[in-house]
PDB file of N, CA and C in Angstrom:
ATOM      1  N   MET A   1    -172.263-159.574  10.394  1.00  0.00           N
ATOM      2  CA  MET A   1    -171.073-158.828  10.109  1.00  0.00           C
ATOM      3  C   MET A   1    -170.553-159.262   8.753  1.00  0.00           C
ATOM      4  N   ASN A   2    -169.995-158.297   8.044  1.00  0.00           N
ATOM      5  CA  ASN A   2    -169.504-158.571   6.708  1.00  0.00           C
ATOM      6  C   ASN A   2    -168.156-157.884   6.522  1.00  0.00           C
ATOM      7  N   ILE A   3    -167.228-158.588   5.889  1.00  0.00           N
ATOM      8  CA  ILE A   3    -165.948-158.008   5.495  1.00  0.00           C
ATOM      9  C   ILE A   3    -165.899-158.088   3.981  1.00  0.00           C
ATOM     10  N   SER A   4    -165.851-156.926   3.348  1.00  0.00           N
ATOM     11  CA  SER A   4    -165.877-156.907   1.887  1.00  0.00           C
ATOM     12  C   SER A   4    -164.714-156.087   1.337  1.00  0.00           C
ATOM     13  N   LYS A   5    -164.301-156.463   0.147  1.00  0.00           N
ATOM     14  CA  LYS A   5    -163.200-155.759  -0.517  1.00  0.00           C
ATOM     15  C   LYS A   5    -163.668-154.357  -0.870  1.00  0.00           C
ATOM     16  N   ARG A   6    -162.810-153.386  -0.573  1.00  0.00           N
ATOM     17  CA  ARG A   6    -163.111-151.988  -0.901  1.00  0.00           C
ATOM     18  C   ARG A   6    -161.793-151.257  -1.061  1.00  0.00           C
ATOM     19  N   ASP A   7    -161.424-151.020  -2.294  1.00  0.00           N
ATOM     20  CA  ASP A   7    -160.104-150.471  -2.623  1.00  0.00           C
ATOM     21  C   ASP A   7    -159.818-149.123  -1.982  1.00  0.00           C
ATOM     22  N   GLU A   8    -160.831-148.290  -1.791  1.00  0.00           N
ATOM     23  CA  GLU A   8    -160.579-146.936  -1.293  1.00  0.00           C
ATOM     24  C   GLU A   8    -160.404-146.862   0.221  1.00  0.00           C
ATOM     25  N   THR A   9    -160.373-148.004   0.913  1.00  0.00           N
ATOM     26  CA  THR A   9    -160.143-148.003   2.362  1.00  0.00           C
ATOM     27  C   THR A   9    -158.668-148.264   2.661  1.00  0.00           C
ATOM     28  N   VAL A  10    -158.258-147.988   3.892  1.00  0.00           N
ATOM     29  CA  VAL A  10    -156.860-148.102   4.305  1.00  0.00           C
ATOM     30  C   VAL A  10    -156.313-149.508   4.083  1.00  0.00           C
ATOM     31  N   THR A  11    -157.091-150.517   4.496  1.00  0.00           N
ATOM     32  CA  THR A  11    -156.627-151.905   4.374  1.00  0.00           C
ATOM     33  C   THR A  11    -157.084-152.569   3.086  1.00  0.00           C
ATOM     34  N   GLY A  12    -157.980-151.910   2.353  1.00  0.00           N
ATOM     35  CA  GLY A  12    -158.542-152.514   1.147  1.00  0.00           C
ATOM     36  C   GLY A  12    -159.798-153.321   1.446  1.00  0.00           C
ATOM     37  N   TYR A  13    -160.248-153.292   2.718  1.00  0.00           N
ATOM     38  CA  TYR A  13    -161.443-154.021   3.122  1.00  0.00           C
ATOM     39  C   TYR A  13    -162.309-153.154   4.021  1.00  0.00           C
ATOM     40  N   ARG A  14    -163.603-153.417   3.965  1.00  0.00           N
ATOM     41  CA  ARG A  14    -164.576-152.713   4.802  1.00  0.00           C
ATOM     42  C   ARG A  14    -165.180-153.714   5.781  1.00  0.00           C
ATOM     43  N   VAL A  15    -165.221-153.340   7.042  1.00  0.00           N
ATOM     44  CA  VAL A  15    -165.866-154.154   8.067  1.00  0.00           C
ATOM     45  C   VAL A  15    -167.212-153.502   8.362  1.00  0.00           C
ATOM     46  N   GLN A  16    -168.283-154.225   8.091  1.00  0.00           N
ATOM     47  CA  GLN A  16    -169.626-153.696   8.302  1.00  0.00           C
ATOM     48  C   GLN A  16    -170.309-154.524   9.389  1.00  0.00           C
ATOM     49  N   LEU A  17    -170.622-153.879  10.495  1.00  0.00           N
ATOM     50  CA  LEU A  17    -171.300-154.545  11.593  1.00  0.00           C
ATOM     51  C   LEU A  17    -172.802-154.505  11.375  1.00  0.00           C
ATOM     52  N   ARG A  18    -173.438-155.586  11.792  1.00  0.00           N
ATOM     53  CA  ARG A  18    -174.880-155.690  11.617  1.00  0.00           C
ATOM     54  C   ARG A  18    -175.423-156.592  12.715  1.00  0.00           C
ATOM     55  N   TYR A  19    -176.577-156.240  13.251  1.00  0.00           N
ATOM     56  CA  TYR A  19    -177.275-157.111  14.179  1.00  0.00           C
ATOM     57  C   TYR A  19    -178.508-157.639  13.454  1.00  0.00           C
ATOM     58  N   CYS A  20    -178.692-158.954  13.468  1.00  0.00           N
ATOM     59  CA  CYS A  20    -179.839-159.582  12.812  1.00  0.00           C
ATOM     60  C   CYS A  20    -180.578-160.472  13.791  1.00  0.00           C
ATOM     61  N   LEU A  21    -181.886-160.476  13.661  1.00  0.00           N
ATOM     62  CA  LEU A  21    -182.738-161.350  14.449  1.00  0.00           C
ATOM     63  C   LEU A  21    -183.773-161.932  13.499  1.00  0.00           C
ATOM     64  N   ASP A  22    -183.736-163.249  13.309  1.00  0.00           N
ATOM     65  CA  ASP A  22    -184.669-163.934  12.422  1.00  0.00           C
ATOM     66  C   ASP A  22    -185.699-164.696  13.244  1.00  0.00           C
ATOM     67  N   GLN A  23    -186.939-164.673  12.760  1.00  0.00           N
ATOM     68  CA  GLN A  23    -187.995-165.401  13.455  1.00  0.00           C
ATOM     69  C   GLN A  23    -189.112-165.728  12.474  1.00  0.00           C
ATOM     70  N   LYS A  24    -189.572-166.963  12.517  1.00  0.00           N
ATOM     71  CA  LYS A  24    -190.687-167.362  11.666  1.00  0.00           C
ATOM     72  C   LYS A  24    -191.985-166.755  12.168  1.00  0.00           C
ATOM     73  N   PHE A  25    -192.850-166.399  11.230  1.00  0.00           N
ATOM     74  CA  PHE A  25    -194.200-165.912  11.514  1.00  0.00           C
ATOM     75  C   PHE A  25    -194.210-164.742  12.503  1.00  0.00           C
ATOM     76  N   ALA A  26    -193.229-163.855  12.456  1.00  0.00           N
ATOM     77  CA  ALA A  26    -193.114-162.846  13.516  1.00  0.00           C
ATOM     78  C   ALA A  26    -192.935-161.430  12.983  1.00  0.00           C
ATOM     79  N   TYR A  27    -193.589-161.113  11.897  1.00  0.00           N
ATOM     80  CA  TYR A  27    -193.437-159.771  11.344  1.00  0.00           C
ATOM     81  C   TYR A  27    -193.842-158.706  12.360  1.00  0.00           C
ATOM     82  N   GLU A  28    -194.992-158.867  12.981  1.00  0.00           N
ATOM     83  CA  GLU A  28    -195.493-157.863  13.932  1.00  0.00           C
ATOM     84  C   GLU A  28    -194.545-157.704  15.124  1.00  0.00           C
ATOM     85  N   GLN A  29    -194.060-158.820  15.672  1.00  0.00           N
ATOM     86  CA  GLN A  29    -193.175-158.769  16.830  1.00  0.00           C
ATOM     87  C   GLN A  29    -191.842-158.100  16.484  1.00  0.00           C
ATOM     88  N   LEU A  30    -191.286-158.445  15.337  1.00  0.00           N
ATOM     89  CA  LEU A  30    -190.010-157.845  14.932  1.00  0.00           C
ATOM     90  C   LEU A  30    -190.183-156.367  14.607  1.00  0.00           C
ATOM     91  N   ASN A  31    -191.303-156.015  14.039  1.00  0.00           N
ATOM     92  CA  ASN A  31    -191.589-154.608  13.765  1.00  0.00           C
ATOM     93  C   ASN A  31    -191.701-153.834  15.073  1.00  0.00           C
ATOM     94  N   HIS A  32    -192.282-154.458  16.085  1.00  0.00           N
ATOM     95  CA  HIS A  32    -192.377-153.842  17.408  1.00  0.00           C
ATOM     96  C   HIS A  32    -190.976-153.619  17.990  1.00  0.00           C
ATOM     97  N   ILE A  33    -190.109-154.602  17.844  1.00  0.00           N
ATOM     98  CA  ILE A  33    -188.721-154.468  18.318  1.00  0.00           C
ATOM     99  C   ILE A  33    -188.023-153.318  17.594  1.00  0.00           C
ATOM    100  N   SER A  34    -188.215-153.249  16.290  1.00  0.00           N
ATOM    101  CA  SER A  34    -187.627-152.155  15.510  1.00  0.00           C
ATOM    102  C   SER A  34    -188.105-150.801  16.028  1.00  0.00           C
ATOM    103  N   ASN A  35    -189.390-150.708  16.323  1.00  0.00           N
ATOM    104  CA  ASN A  35    -189.947-149.456  16.851  1.00  0.00           C
ATOM    105  C   ASN A  35    -189.410-149.143  18.243  1.00  0.00           C
ATOM    106  N   LEU A  36    -189.239-150.161  19.086  1.00  0.00           N
ATOM    107  CA  LEU A  36    -188.694-149.944  20.428  1.00  0.00           C
ATOM    108  C   LEU A  36    -187.268-149.401  20.369  1.00  0.00           C
ATOM    109  N   PHE A  37    -186.446-149.997  19.516  1.00  0.00           N
ATOM    110  CA  PHE A  37    -185.059-149.543  19.397  1.00  0.00           C
ATOM    111  C   PHE A  37    -184.954-148.232  18.621  1.00  0.00           C
ATOM    112  N   GLY A  38    -185.926-147.977  17.756  1.00  0.00           N
ATOM    113  CA  GLY A  38    -185.924-146.738  16.996  1.00  0.00           C
ATOM    114  C   GLY A  38    -185.048-146.773  15.751  1.00  0.00           C
ATOM    115  N   TYR A  39    -184.503-147.927  15.449  1.00  0.00           N
ATOM    116  CA  TYR A  39    -183.619-148.086  14.285  1.00  0.00           C
ATOM    117  C   TYR A  39    -183.813-149.479  13.708  1.00  0.00           C
ATOM    118  N   GLY A  40    -183.402-149.629  12.464  1.00  0.00           N
ATOM    119  CA  GLY A  40    -183.419-150.936  11.829  1.00  0.00           C
ATOM    120  C   GLY A  40    -184.629-151.129  10.941  1.00  0.00           C
ATOM    121  N   LYS A  41    -184.645-152.288  10.278  1.00  0.00           N
ATOM    122  CA  LYS A  41    -185.716-152.632   9.348  1.00  0.00           C
ATOM    123  C   LYS A  41    -186.138-154.068   9.564  1.00  0.00           C
ATOM    124  N   VAL A  42    -187.364-154.359   9.149  1.00  0.00           N
ATOM    125  CA  VAL A  42    -187.867-155.731   9.137  1.00  0.00           C
ATOM    126  C   VAL A  42    -188.136-156.092   7.689  1.00  0.00           C
ATOM    127  N   ILE A  43    -187.602-157.223   7.275  1.00  0.00           N
ATOM    128  CA  ILE A  43    -187.791-157.693   5.897  1.00  0.00           C
ATOM    129  C   ILE A  43    -188.245-159.147   5.914  1.00  0.00           C
ATOM    130  N   LEU A  44    -188.843-159.570   4.820  1.00  0.00           N
ATOM    131  CA  LEU A  44    -189.151-160.979   4.611  1.00  0.00           C
ATOM    132  C   LEU A  44    -187.889-161.629   4.076  1.00  0.00           C
ATOM    133  N   ARG A  45    -187.336-162.567   4.818  1.00  0.00           N
ATOM    134  CA  ARG A  45    -186.089-163.216   4.418  1.00  0.00           C
ATOM    135  C   ARG A  45    -186.367-164.348   3.439  1.00  0.00           C
ATOM    136  N   LYS A  46    -187.310-165.187   3.772  1.00  0.00           N
ATOM    137  CA  LYS A  46    -187.819-166.243   2.907  1.00  0.00           C
ATOM    138  C   LYS A  46    -189.206-166.585   3.405  1.00  0.00           C
ATOM    139  N   GLN A  47    -189.860-167.518   2.789  1.00  0.00           N
ATOM    140  CA  GLN A  47    -191.250-167.813   3.130  1.00  0.00           C
ATOM    141  C   GLN A  47    -191.452-167.939   4.640  1.00  0.00           C
ATOM    142  N   ASP A  48    -192.287-167.068   5.184  1.00  0.00           N
ATOM    143  CA  ASP A  48    -192.667-167.054   6.603  1.00  0.00           C
ATOM    144  C   ASP A  48    -191.525-166.722   7.563  1.00  0.00           C
ATOM    145  N   MET A  49    -190.333-166.401   7.070  1.00  0.00           N
ATOM    146  CA  MET A  49    -189.187-166.071   7.918  1.00  0.00           C
ATOM    147  C   MET A  49    -188.895-164.584   7.767  1.00  0.00           C
ATOM    148  N   TYR A  50    -188.966-163.880   8.882  1.00  0.00           N
ATOM    149  CA  TYR A  50    -188.731-162.447   8.876  1.00  0.00           C
ATOM    150  C   TYR A  50    -187.424-162.132   9.590  1.00  0.00           C
ATOM    151  N   ARG A  51    -186.825-161.009   9.204  1.00  0.00           N
ATOM    152  CA  ARG A  51    -185.556-160.583   9.802  1.00  0.00           C
ATOM    153  C   ARG A  51    -185.647-159.129  10.216  1.00  0.00           C
ATOM    154  N   TYR A  52    -185.268-158.891  11.463  1.00  0.00           N
ATOM    155  CA  TYR A  52    -185.008-157.525  11.918  1.00  0.00           C
ATOM    156  C   TYR A  52    -183.503-157.351  11.817  1.00  0.00           C
ATOM    157  N   TYR A  53    -183.067-156.246  11.208  1.00  0.00           N
ATOM    158  CA  TYR A  53    -181.634-155.986  11.151  1.00  0.00           C
ATOM    159  C   TYR A  53    -181.355-154.502  11.319  1.00  0.00           C
ATOM    160  N   CYS A  54    -180.167-154.234  11.837  1.00  0.00           N
ATOM    161  CA  CYS A  54    -179.713-152.865  12.041  1.00  0.00           C
ATOM    162  C   CYS A  54    -178.230-152.821  11.687  1.00  0.00           C
ATOM    163  N   GLU A  55    -177.840-151.842  10.891  1.00  0.00           N
ATOM    164  CA  GLU A  55    -176.457-151.738  10.434  1.00  0.00           C
ATOM    165  C   GLU A  55    -175.774-150.435  10.828  1.00  0.00           C
ATOM    166  N   SER A  56    -176.495-149.498  11.422  1.00  0.00           N
ATOM    167  CA  SER A  56    -175.882-148.209  11.745  1.00  0.00           C
ATOM    168  C   SER A  56    -175.304-148.242  13.159  1.00  0.00           C
ATOM    169  N   PHE A  57    -174.179-147.578  13.358  1.00  0.00           N
ATOM    170  CA  PHE A  57    -173.570-147.553  14.689  1.00  0.00           C
ATOM    171  C   PHE A  57    -174.501-146.910  15.711  1.00  0.00           C
ATOM    172  N   ILE A  58    -175.166-145.844  15.313  1.00  0.00           N
ATOM    173  CA  ILE A  58    -176.094-145.190  16.248  1.00  0.00           C
ATOM    174  C   ILE A  58    -177.273-146.112  16.561  1.00  0.00           C
ATOM    175  N   GLY A  59    -177.693-146.908  15.601  1.00  0.00           N
ATOM    176  CA  GLY A  59    -178.783-147.845  15.818  1.00  0.00           C
ATOM    177  C   GLY A  59    -178.382-149.054  16.641  1.00  0.00           C
ATOM    178  N   LEU A  60    -177.103-149.393  16.623  1.00  0.00           N
ATOM    179  CA  LEU A  60    -176.629-150.541  17.404  1.00  0.00           C
ATOM    180  C   LEU A  60    -176.554-150.217  18.894  1.00  0.00           C
ATOM    181  N   GLU A  61    -176.404-148.947  19.243  1.00  0.00           N
ATOM    182  CA  GLU A  61    -176.259-148.557  20.650  1.00  0.00           C
ATOM    183  C   GLU A  61    -177.426-149.010  21.533  1.00  0.00           C
ATOM    184  N   PRO A  62    -178.700-148.780  21.143  1.00  0.00           N
ATOM    185  CA  PRO A  62    -179.781-149.260  22.015  1.00  0.00           C
ATOM    186  C   PRO A  62    -179.851-150.783  22.104  1.00  0.00           C
ATOM    187  N   ILE A  63    -179.444-151.461  21.062  1.00  0.00           N
ATOM    188  CA  ILE A  63    -179.417-152.927  21.081  1.00  0.00           C
ATOM    189  C   ILE A  63    -178.366-153.407  22.077  1.00  0.00           C
ATOM    190  N   LEU A  64    -177.193-152.793  22.035  1.00  0.00           N
ATOM    191  CA  LEU A  64    -176.128-153.166  22.959  1.00  0.00           C
ATOM    192  C   LEU A  64    -176.506-152.830  24.400  1.00  0.00           C
ATOM    193  N   THR A  65    -177.170-151.708  24.597  1.00  0.00           N
ATOM    194  CA  THR A  65    -177.643-151.354  25.929  1.00  0.00           C
ATOM    195  C   THR A  65    -178.628-152.401  26.438  1.00  0.00           C
ATOM    196  N   TYR A  66    -179.523-152.825  25.576  1.00  0.00           N
ATOM    197  CA  TYR A  66    -180.507-153.845  25.950  1.00  0.00           C
ATOM    198  C   TYR A  66    -179.807-155.124  26.422  1.00  0.00           C
ATOM    199  N   PHE A  67    -178.822-155.587  25.638  1.00  0.00           N
ATOM    200  CA  PHE A  67    -178.155-156.838  26.004  1.00  0.00           C
ATOM    201  C   PHE A  67    -177.236-156.690  27.215  1.00  0.00           C
ATOM    202  N   SER A  68    -176.809-155.476  27.529  1.00  0.00           N
ATOM    203  CA  SER A  68    -176.046-155.300  28.766  1.00  0.00           C
ATOM    204  C   SER A  68    -176.986-155.358  29.977  1.00  0.00           C
ATOM    205  N   LEU A  69    -178.232-154.907  29.802  1.00  0.00           N
ATOM    206  CA  LEU A  69    -179.222-154.970  30.882  1.00  0.00           C
ATOM    207  C   LEU A  69    -179.862-156.358  31.005  1.00  0.00           C
ATOM    208  N   PHE A  70    -180.020-157.027  29.867  1.00  0.00           N
ATOM    209  CA  PHE A  70    -180.674-158.340  29.823  1.00  0.00           C
ATOM    210  C   PHE A  70    -179.786-159.316  29.038  1.00  0.00           C
ATOM    211  N   PRO A  71    -178.744-159.848  29.675  1.00  0.00           N
ATOM    212  CA  PRO A  71    -177.797-160.721  28.960  1.00  0.00           C
ATOM    213  C   PRO A  71    -178.448-162.021  28.480  1.00  0.00           C
ATOM    214  N   LEU A  72    -177.969-162.497  27.374  1.00  0.00           N
ATOM    215  CA  LEU A  72    -178.426-163.784  26.849  1.00  0.00           C
ATOM    216  C   LEU A  72    -177.988-164.906  27.775  1.00  0.00           C
ATOM    217  N   LYS A  73    -178.794-165.965  27.830  1.00  0.00           N
ATOM    218  CA  LYS A  73    -178.481-167.111  28.678  1.00  0.00           C
ATOM    219  C   LYS A  73    -178.467-168.405  27.868  1.00  0.00           C
ATOM    220  N   THR A  74    -178.334-168.277  26.573  1.00  0.00           N
ATOM    221  CA  THR A  74    -178.355-169.435  25.682  1.00  0.00           C
ATOM    222  C   THR A  74    -177.002-169.561  24.992  1.00  0.00           C
ATOM    223  N   LYS A  75    -176.926-170.493  24.042  1.00  0.00           N
ATOM    224  CA  LYS A  75    -175.678-170.678  23.295  1.00  0.00           C
ATOM    225  C   LYS A  75    -175.319-169.442  22.470  1.00  0.00           C
ATOM    226  N   LYS A  76    -176.272-168.571  22.237  1.00  0.00           N
ATOM    227  CA  LYS A  76    -176.010-167.334  21.490  1.00  0.00           C
ATOM    228  C   LYS A  76    -175.184-166.335  22.297  1.00  0.00           C
ATOM    229  N   ALA A  77    -175.091-166.527  23.621  1.00  0.00           N
ATOM    230  CA  ALA A  77    -174.335-165.596  24.464  1.00  0.00           C
ATOM    231  C   ALA A  77    -172.873-165.532  24.031  1.00  0.00           C
ATOM    232  N   LYS A  78    -172.286-166.658  23.683  1.00  0.00           N
ATOM    233  CA  LYS A  78    -170.883-166.690  23.250  1.00  0.00           C
ATOM    234  C   LYS A  78    -170.726-165.946  21.915  1.00  0.00           C
ATOM    235  N   SER A  79    -171.657-166.137  21.008  1.00  0.00           N
ATOM    236  CA  SER A  79    -171.605-165.419  19.730  1.00  0.00           C
ATOM    237  C   SER A  79    -171.721-163.923  19.944  1.00  0.00           C
ATOM    238  N   LEU A  80    -172.632-163.516  20.823  1.00  0.00           N
ATOM    239  CA  LEU A  80    -172.784-162.086  21.105  1.00  0.00           C
ATOM    240  C   LEU A  80    -171.512-161.529  21.728  1.00  0.00           C
ATOM    241  N   SER A  81    -170.913-162.269  22.648  1.00  0.00           N
ATOM    242  CA  SER A  81    -169.661-161.828  23.275  1.00  0.00           C
ATOM    243  C   SER A  81    -168.568-161.612  22.227  1.00  0.00           C
ATOM    244  N   ASN A  82    -168.458-162.527  21.282  1.00  0.00           N
ATOM    245  CA  ASN A  82    -167.452-162.387  20.226  1.00  0.00           C
ATOM    246  C   ASN A  82    -167.799-161.243  19.275  1.00  0.00           C
ATOM    247  N   TRP A  83    -169.084-161.061  18.998  1.00  0.00           N
ATOM    248  CA  TRP A  83    -169.514-159.942  18.163  1.00  0.00           C
ATOM    249  C   TRP A  83    -169.151-158.623  18.848  1.00  0.00           C
ATOM    250  N   LEU A  84    -169.337-158.567  20.173  1.00  0.00           N
ATOM    251  CA  LEU A  84    -168.999-157.361  20.929  1.00  0.00           C
ATOM    252  C   LEU A  84    -167.497-157.066  20.899  1.00  0.00           C
ATOM    253  N   LYS A  85    -166.674-158.101  20.862  1.00  0.00           N
ATOM    254  CA  LYS A  85    -165.222-157.905  20.727  1.00  0.00           C
ATOM    255  C   LYS A  85    -164.915-157.202  19.408  1.00  0.00           C
ATOM    256  N   ILE A  86    -165.565-157.651  18.348  1.00  0.00           N
ATOM    257  CA  ILE A  86    -165.355-157.031  17.031  1.00  0.00           C
ATOM    258  C   ILE A  86    -165.884-155.598  17.032  1.00  0.00           C
ATOM    259  N   TYR A  87    -167.053-155.400  17.600  1.00  0.00           N
ATOM    260  CA  TYR A  87    -167.628-154.057  17.695  1.00  0.00           C
ATOM    261  C   TYR A  87    -166.637-153.118  18.389  1.00  0.00           C
ATOM    262  N   SER A  88    -166.086-153.560  19.499  1.00  0.00           N
ATOM    263  CA  SER A  88    -165.122-152.757  20.253  1.00  0.00           C
ATOM    264  C   SER A  88    -163.884-152.454  19.418  1.00  0.00           C
ATOM    265  N   MET A  89    -163.402-153.446  18.683  1.00  0.00           N
ATOM    266  CA  MET A  89    -162.228-153.243  17.832  1.00  0.00           C
ATOM    267  C   MET A  89    -162.501-152.205  16.745  1.00  0.00           C
ATOM    268  N   VAL A  90    -163.689-152.263  16.162  1.00  0.00           N
ATOM    269  CA  VAL A  90    -164.046-151.300  15.104  1.00  0.00           C
ATOM    270  C   VAL A  90    -164.171-149.902  15.698  1.00  0.00           C
ATOM    271  N   ILE A  91    -164.801-149.783  16.865  1.00  0.00           N
ATOM    272  CA  ILE A  91    -164.927-148.482  17.527  1.00  0.00           C
ATOM    273  C   ILE A  91    -163.542-147.891  17.791  1.00  0.00           C
ATOM    274  N   LYS A  92    -162.584-148.750  18.182  1.00  0.00           N
ATOM    275  CA  LYS A  92    -161.212-148.300  18.459  1.00  0.00           C
ATOM    276  C   LYS A  92    -160.373-148.171  17.182  1.00  0.00           C
ATOM    277  N   LYS A  93    -161.006-148.432  16.029  1.00  0.00           N
ATOM    278  CA  LYS A  93    -160.375-148.318  14.712  1.00  0.00           C
ATOM    279  C   LYS A  93    -159.239-149.330  14.498  1.00  0.00           C
ATOM    280  N   GLU A  94    -159.302-150.445  15.234  1.00  0.00           N
ATOM    281  CA  GLU A  94    -158.306-151.495  15.076  1.00  0.00           C
ATOM    282  C   GLU A  94    -158.467-152.254  13.766  1.00  0.00           C
ATOM    283  N   HIS A  95    -159.611-152.101  13.121  1.00  0.00           N
ATOM    284  CA  HIS A  95    -159.845-152.752  11.834  1.00  0.00           C
ATOM    285  C   HIS A  95    -159.086-152.058  10.695  1.00  0.00           C
ATOM    286  N   LEU A  96    -158.462-150.931  10.996  1.00  0.00           N
ATOM    287  CA  LEU A  96    -157.768-150.155   9.965  1.00  0.00           C
ATOM    288  C   LEU A  96    -156.307-150.560   9.794  1.00  0.00           C
ATOM    289  N   ASN A  97    -155.896-151.636  10.455  1.00  0.00           N
ATOM    290  CA  ASN A  97    -154.556-152.170  10.205  1.00  0.00           C
ATOM    291  C   ASN A  97    -154.671-153.675   9.967  1.00  0.00           C
ATOM    292  N   GLU A  98    -153.681-154.227   9.342  1.00  0.00           N
ATOM    293  CA  GLU A  98    -153.736-155.630   8.918  1.00  0.00           C
ATOM    294  C   GLU A  98    -153.854-156.589  10.104  1.00  0.00           C
ATOM    295  N   ILE A  99    -153.160-156.315  11.193  1.00  0.00           N
ATOM    296  CA  ILE A  99    -153.222-157.196  12.367  1.00  0.00           C
ATOM    297  C   ILE A  99    -154.637-157.211  12.950  1.00  0.00           C
ATOM    298  N   GLY A 100    -155.228-156.032  13.103  1.00  0.00           N
ATOM    299  CA  GLY A 100    -156.592-155.949  13.616  1.00  0.00           C
ATOM    300  C   GLY A 100    -157.595-156.624  12.689  1.00  0.00           C
ATOM    301  N   LEU A 101    -157.431-156.427  11.386  1.00  0.00           N
ATOM    302  CA  LEU A 101    -158.324-157.034  10.408  1.00  0.00           C
ATOM    303  C   LEU A 101    -158.239-158.559  10.474  1.00  0.00           C
ATOM    304  N   GLN A 102    -157.038-159.090  10.614  1.00  0.00           N
ATOM    305  CA  GLN A 102    -156.863-160.538  10.730  1.00  0.00           C
ATOM    306  C   GLN A 102    -157.519-161.074  11.999  1.00  0.00           C
ATOM    307  N   GLU A 103    -157.399-160.327  13.102  1.00  0.00           N
ATOM    308  CA  GLU A 103    -158.028-160.742  14.362  1.00  0.00           C
ATOM    309  C   GLU A 103    -159.546-160.720  14.228  1.00  0.00           C
ATOM    310  N   ILE A 104    -160.076-159.726  13.560  1.00  0.00           N
ATOM    311  CA  ILE A 104    -161.521-159.658  13.325  1.00  0.00           C
ATOM    312  C   ILE A 104    -161.968-160.854  12.500  1.00  0.00           C
ATOM    313  N   ARG A 105    -161.223-161.204  11.484  1.00  0.00           N
ATOM    314  CA  ARG A 105    -161.557-162.389  10.675  1.00  0.00           C
ATOM    315  C   ARG A 105    -161.556-163.660  11.528  1.00  0.00           C
ATOM    316  N   ARG A 106    -160.575-163.764  12.414  1.00  0.00           N
ATOM    317  CA  ARG A 106    -160.481-164.947  13.276  1.00  0.00           C
ATOM    318  C   ARG A 106    -161.701-165.030  14.197  1.00  0.00           C
ATOM    319  N   ILE A 107    -162.042-163.914  14.824  1.00  0.00           N
ATOM    320  CA  ILE A 107    -163.184-163.894  15.743  1.00  0.00           C
ATOM    321  C   ILE A 107    -164.481-164.139  14.980  1.00  0.00           C
ATOM    322  N   LYS A 108    -164.594-163.582  13.798  1.00  0.00           N
ATOM    323  CA  LYS A 108    -165.814-163.729  12.990  1.00  0.00           C
ATOM    324  C   LYS A 108    -166.150-165.199  12.757  1.00  0.00           C
ATOM    325  N   ARG A 109    -165.138-166.023  12.583  1.00  0.00           N
ATOM    326  CA  ARG A 109    -165.368-167.457  12.334  1.00  0.00           C
ATOM    327  C   ARG A 109    -165.969-168.174  13.541  1.00  0.00           C
ATOM    328  N   THR A 110    -165.961-167.538  14.714  1.00  0.00           N
ATOM    329  CA  THR A 110    -166.498-168.166  15.923  1.00  0.00           C
ATOM    330  C   THR A 110    -167.939-167.754  16.209  1.00  0.00           C
ATOM    331  N   ILE A 111    -168.483-166.878  15.404  1.00  0.00           N
ATOM    332  CA  ILE A 111    -169.830-166.362  15.643  1.00  0.00           C
ATOM    333  C   ILE A 111    -170.857-167.243  14.936  1.00  0.00           C
ATOM    334  N   ASN A 112    -171.900-167.605  15.663  1.00  0.00           N
ATOM    335  CA  ASN A 112    -173.017-168.407  15.131  1.00  0.00           C
ATOM    336  C   ASN A 112    -172.573-169.733  14.533  1.00  0.00           C
ATOM    337  N   LEU A 113    -171.665-170.407  15.213  1.00  0.00           N
ATOM    338  CA  LEU A 113    -171.214-171.714  14.734  1.00  0.00           C
ATOM    339  C   LEU A 113    -172.345-172.728  14.694  1.00  0.00           C
ATOM    340  N   ASN A 114    -173.280-172.629  15.613  1.00  0.00           N
ATOM    341  CA  ASN A 114    -174.368-173.604  15.700  1.00  0.00           C
ATOM    342  C   ASN A 114    -175.704-173.016  15.289  1.00  0.00           C
ATOM    343  N   ASN A 115    -175.680-172.205  14.234  1.00  0.00           N
ATOM    344  CA  ASN A 115    -176.956-171.626  13.810  1.00  0.00           C
ATOM    345  C   ASN A 115    -177.749-172.632  12.981  1.00  0.00           C
ATOM    346  N   ALA A 116    -178.957-172.278  12.635  1.00  0.00           N
ATOM    347  CA  ALA A 116    -179.856-173.197  11.940  1.00  0.00           C
ATOM    348  C   ALA A 116    -179.324-173.615  10.575  1.00  0.00           C
ATOM    349  N   GLU A 117    -178.483-172.810   9.959  1.00  0.00           N
ATOM    350  CA  GLU A 117    -177.943-173.179   8.658  1.00  0.00           C
ATOM    351  C   GLU A 117    -176.880-174.259   8.785  1.00  0.00           C
ATOM    352  N   ASN A 118    -176.262-174.370   9.963  1.00  0.00           N
ATOM    353  CA  ASN A 118    -175.224-175.366  10.183  1.00  0.00           C
ATOM    354  C   ASN A 118    -175.725-176.581  10.955  1.00  0.00           C
ATOM    355  N   THR A 119    -176.557-176.352  11.944  1.00  0.00           N
ATOM    356  CA  THR A 119    -177.029-177.406  12.827  1.00  0.00           C
ATOM    357  C   THR A 119    -178.504-177.205  13.090  1.00  0.00           C
ATOM    358  N   LYS A 120    -179.288-178.205  12.840  1.00  0.00           N
ATOM    359  CA  LYS A 120    -180.716-178.114  13.115  1.00  0.00           C
ATOM    360  C   LYS A 120    -180.939-178.338  14.602  1.00  0.00           C
ATOM    361  N   THR A 121    -181.486-177.332  15.268  1.00  0.00           N
ATOM    362  CA  THR A 121    -181.795-177.463  16.693  1.00  0.00           C
ATOM    363  C   THR A 121    -183.300-177.410  16.851  1.00  0.00           C
ATOM    364  N   GLY A 122    -183.808-178.121  17.822  1.00  0.00           N
ATOM    365  CA  GLY A 122    -185.224-178.093  18.094  1.00  0.00           C
ATOM    366  C   GLY A 122    -186.070-178.760  17.016  1.00  0.00           C
ATOM    367  N   SER A 123    -185.453-179.636  16.239  1.00  0.00           N
ATOM    368  CA  SER A 123    -186.179-180.288  15.163  1.00  0.00           C
ATOM    369  C   SER A 123    -187.217-181.265  15.706  1.00  0.00           C
ATOM    370  N   ALA A 124    -188.349-181.346  15.041  1.00  0.00           N
ATOM    371  CA  ALA A 124    -189.371-182.312  15.428  1.00  0.00           C
ATOM    372  C   ALA A 124    -188.957-183.717  15.038  1.00  0.00           C
ATOM    373  N   LYS A 125    -187.961-183.826  14.160  1.00  0.00           N
ATOM    374  CA  LYS A 125    -187.472-185.133  13.708  1.00  0.00           C
ATOM    375  C   LYS A 125    -185.970-185.216  13.971  1.00  0.00           C
ATOM    376  N   PRO A 126    -185.575-185.503  15.224  1.00  0.00           N
ATOM    377  CA  PRO A 126    -184.144-185.521  15.576  1.00  0.00           C
ATOM    378  C   PRO A 126    -183.365-186.621  14.864  1.00  0.00           C
TER     379      PRO A 126
END
């Protein structure tokens, strides 16, 4: 998710929702996921690290349906729950007022707190 300055919007900011899935050595698998959902792209993020991402609201619907049928059972479940709160707020157009935008910013800070960029998990050298 990204919040960027955009003068021509009501609040002066744009809230852009995005679902990303990164995996090393997994171009074929992520491409398969993209084909299953019917939306999104797979890119090389950095050496041997691939990313599937989707930014369109219509493309996010099958992803959200998938996670409602098959909920996460890891530490990512809390991040997804908070992401879904923001998604719901944007759908309800709550991001178009200052109070809603501030709440989205607050929730955004709680997403992916323990990701690989912040905390190394599963390291071979703990």
